[in-house]
């Protein structure tokens, strides 16, 4: 079961990475950061259980940076689009 979780968690990190290289996703998108956060937290937990200190460091920092990026992205104000057809004029 741990191997299945590890594979799924790795895919949650690798798929968005590949998507950014293919210009299908940005590294600051909520979906990219959320998938990275979930995948890295799962891999960190598995590394802790196995006492794999190098992977604890790698995935723990990955999770931390993903969380920081996600918080920053969610706090960023949504830009107002002046060209929007739904824009109300006086």
C-alpha atoms as a PDB file:
ATOM      1  CA  UNK A   1       0.000   0.000   0.000  1.00  0.00           C
ATOM      2  CA  UNK A   2       2.882   2.357   0.784  1.00  0.00           C
ATOM      3  CA  UNK A   3       4.294   1.817  -2.702  1.00  0.00           C
ATOM      4  CA  UNK A   4       0.964   2.753  -4.300  1.00  0.00           C
ATOM      5  CA  UNK A   5       0.737   5.932  -2.219  1.00  0.00           C
ATOM      6  CA  UNK A   6       4.347   6.771  -3.105  1.00  0.00           C
ATOM      7  CA  UNK A   7       3.663   6.354  -6.819  1.00  0.00           C
ATOM      8  CA  UNK A   8       0.514   8.468  -6.707  1.00  0.00           C
ATOM      9  CA  UNK A   9       2.291  11.155  -4.680  1.00  0.00           C
ATOM     10  CA  UNK A  10       5.200  11.201  -7.118  1.00  0.00           C
ATOM     11  CA  UNK A  11       2.739  11.596  -9.999  1.00  0.00           C
ATOM     12  CA  UNK A  12       1.208  14.589  -8.204  1.00  0.00           C
ATOM     13  CA  UNK A  13       4.619  16.232  -8.406  1.00  0.00           C
ATOM     14  CA  UNK A  14       5.776  15.013 -11.808  1.00  0.00           C
ATOM     15  CA  UNK A  15       2.613  15.690 -13.833  1.00  0.00           C
ATOM     16  CA  UNK A  16       2.465  19.423 -13.037  1.00  0.00           C
ATOM     17  CA  UNK A  17       6.214  19.668 -13.609  1.00  0.00           C
ATOM     18  CA  UNK A  18       5.810  18.180 -17.081  1.00  0.00           C
ATOM     19  CA  UNK A  19       2.806  20.426 -17.727  1.00  0.00           C
ATOM     20  CA  UNK A  20       4.899  23.517 -17.020  1.00  0.00           C
ATOM     21  CA  UNK A  21       7.598  22.343 -19.418  1.00  0.00           C
ATOM     22  CA  UNK A  22       4.895  21.901 -22.063  1.00  0.00           C
ATOM     23  CA  UNK A  23       3.496  25.385 -21.306  1.00  0.00           C
ATOM     24  CA  UNK A  24       0.176  23.912 -20.174  1.00  0.00           C
ATOM     25  CA  UNK A  25       0.430  25.156 -16.581  1.00  0.00           C
ATOM     26  CA  UNK A  26       2.262  27.859 -14.669  1.00  0.00           C
ATOM     27  CA  UNK A  27       4.291  27.333 -11.519  1.00  0.00           C
ATOM     28  CA  UNK A  28       2.191  29.921  -9.715  1.00  0.00           C
ATOM     29  CA  UNK A  29      -1.191  28.355 -10.500  1.00  0.00           C
ATOM     30  CA  UNK A  30      -3.281  27.056  -7.621  1.00  0.00           C
ATOM     31  CA  UNK A  31      -3.552  23.620  -9.260  1.00  0.00           C
ATOM     32  CA  UNK A  32       0.242  23.306  -9.712  1.00  0.00           C
ATOM     33  CA  UNK A  33       0.991  24.339  -6.138  1.00  0.00           C
ATOM     34  CA  UNK A  34      -1.795  22.226  -4.629  1.00  0.00           C
ATOM     35  CA  UNK A  35      -0.689  19.072  -6.443  1.00  0.00           C
ATOM     36  CA  UNK A  36       2.926  19.703  -5.399  1.00  0.00           C
ATOM     37  CA  UNK A  37       1.889  20.285  -1.792  1.00  0.00           C
ATOM     38  CA  UNK A  38      -0.231  17.129  -1.540  1.00  0.00           C
ATOM     39  CA  UNK A  39       2.389  14.977  -3.265  1.00  0.00           C
ATOM     40  CA  UNK A  40       5.301  16.270  -1.229  1.00  0.00           C
ATOM     41  CA  UNK A  41       3.449  15.995   2.100  1.00  0.00           C
ATOM     42  CA  UNK A  42       2.585  12.365   1.319  1.00  0.00           C
ATOM     43  CA  UNK A  43       6.165  11.579   0.328  1.00  0.00           C
ATOM     44  CA  UNK A  44       7.464  13.342   3.443  1.00  0.00           C
ATOM     45  CA  UNK A  45       5.214  11.208   5.649  1.00  0.00           C
ATOM     46  CA  UNK A  46       6.417   8.040   3.933  1.00  0.00           C
ATOM     47  CA  UNK A  47      10.051   9.160   4.299  1.00  0.00           C
ATOM     48  CA  UNK A  48       9.500   9.843   8.013  1.00  0.00           C
ATOM     49  CA  UNK A  49       8.011   6.378   8.500  1.00  0.00           C
ATOM     50  CA  UNK A  50      11.045   4.855   6.774  1.00  0.00           C
ATOM     51  CA  UNK A  51      13.546   7.151   8.518  1.00  0.00           C
ATOM     52  CA  UNK A  52      14.942   8.252   5.173  1.00  0.00           C
ATOM     53  CA  UNK A  53      16.494  11.528   6.298  1.00  0.00           C
ATOM     54  CA  UNK A  54      17.610  12.756   2.893  1.00  0.00           C
ATOM     55  CA  UNK A  55      14.095  12.368   1.515  1.00  0.00           C
ATOM     56  CA  UNK A  56      12.599  13.916   4.647  1.00  0.00           C
ATOM     57  CA  UNK A  57      14.715  16.995   3.969  1.00  0.00           C
ATOM     58  CA  UNK A  58      13.988  17.044   0.228  1.00  0.00           C
ATOM     59  CA  UNK A  59      10.243  16.473   0.422  1.00  0.00           C
ATOM     60  CA  UNK A  60       9.801  18.493   3.611  1.00  0.00           C
ATOM     61  CA  UNK A  61      11.365  21.563   2.009  1.00  0.00           C
ATOM     62  CA  UNK A  62       9.381  20.904  -1.181  1.00  0.00           C
ATOM     63  CA  UNK A  63       6.157  20.825   0.859  1.00  0.00           C
ATOM     64  CA  UNK A  64       7.103  23.976   2.757  1.00  0.00           C
ATOM     65  CA  UNK A  65       7.912  25.923  -0.411  1.00  0.00           C
ATOM     66  CA  UNK A  66       4.733  24.682  -2.099  1.00  0.00           C
ATOM     67  CA  UNK A  67       2.692  25.824   0.904  1.00  0.00           C
ATOM     68  CA  UNK A  68       4.345  29.255   0.889  1.00  0.00           C
ATOM     69  CA  UNK A  69       3.738  29.604  -2.846  1.00  0.00           C
ATOM     70  CA  UNK A  70       0.110  28.535  -2.482  1.00  0.00           C
ATOM     71  CA  UNK A  71      -0.552  31.017   0.318  1.00  0.00           C
ATOM     72  CA  UNK A  72       1.052  33.816  -1.683  1.00  0.00           C
ATOM     73  CA  UNK A  73      -0.949  32.918  -4.772  1.00  0.00           C
ATOM     74  CA  UNK A  74      -4.206  32.801  -2.841  1.00  0.00           C
ATOM     75  CA  UNK A  75      -3.490  36.164  -1.194  1.00  0.00           C
ATOM     76  CA  UNK A  76      -2.648  37.861  -4.478  1.00  0.00           C
ATOM     77  CA  UNK A  77      -5.369  40.282  -5.537  1.00  0.00           C
ATOM     78  CA  UNK A  78      -7.243  39.389  -8.705  1.00  0.00           C
ATOM     79  CA  UNK A  79      -6.373  41.961 -11.388  1.00  0.00           C
ATOM     80  CA  UNK A  80      -9.264  43.978 -12.754  1.00  0.00           C
ATOM     81  CA  UNK A  81      -9.649  43.516 -16.503  1.00  0.00           C
ATOM     82  CA  UNK A  82     -10.596  46.832 -18.103  1.00  0.00           C
ATOM     83  CA  UNK A  83     -11.412  45.084 -21.374  1.00  0.00           C
ATOM     84  CA  UNK A  84     -13.956  42.745 -19.804  1.00  0.00           C
ATOM     85  CA  UNK A  85     -17.297  42.773 -21.595  1.00  0.00           C
ATOM     86  CA  UNK A  86     -19.031  42.589 -18.194  1.00  0.00           C
ATOM     87  CA  UNK A  87     -17.412  45.838 -17.063  1.00  0.00           C
ATOM     88  CA  UNK A  88     -19.969  48.425 -16.022  1.00  0.00           C
ATOM     89  CA  UNK A  89     -19.490  51.938 -17.298  1.00  0.00           C
ATOM     90  CA  UNK A  90     -20.996  55.179 -16.015  1.00  0.00           C
END
